[in-house]
Amino acid sequence: MPIANIQLGRKGITDNFIQTLRAHFKKYKNVKVSVLKSAREDKKKVKEYSKEMLEKLGKNYTARIVGFKIMIKKWRKDVSRISK
């Protein structure tokens, strides 16, 4: 199954970034967000980005953090927002 890749830079999560994510979810079920060095200080910042993205995307999404990458999956039904 193909996975879309997006990079999160120093500007952080903007409205344009969320629009790009939503556009990718129209074609793909999974999106991998790479958090670049300019956007992160440590892994806590990556976790904050993950929570913020899930809040802005809605209830049908879950996220898993692997290193400095955030894997976001879209589900058909509402799921609880548990970040692993």
Foldseek 3Di string as FASTA:
>chain_A
DDEAEEEAALVADDPVNLVVVVVVVVPDFKYKYAYDPNNDDDVVSLVVSLVVSDVVNDQQKEWEDDHRMIMIGGHPDGDHHDYD
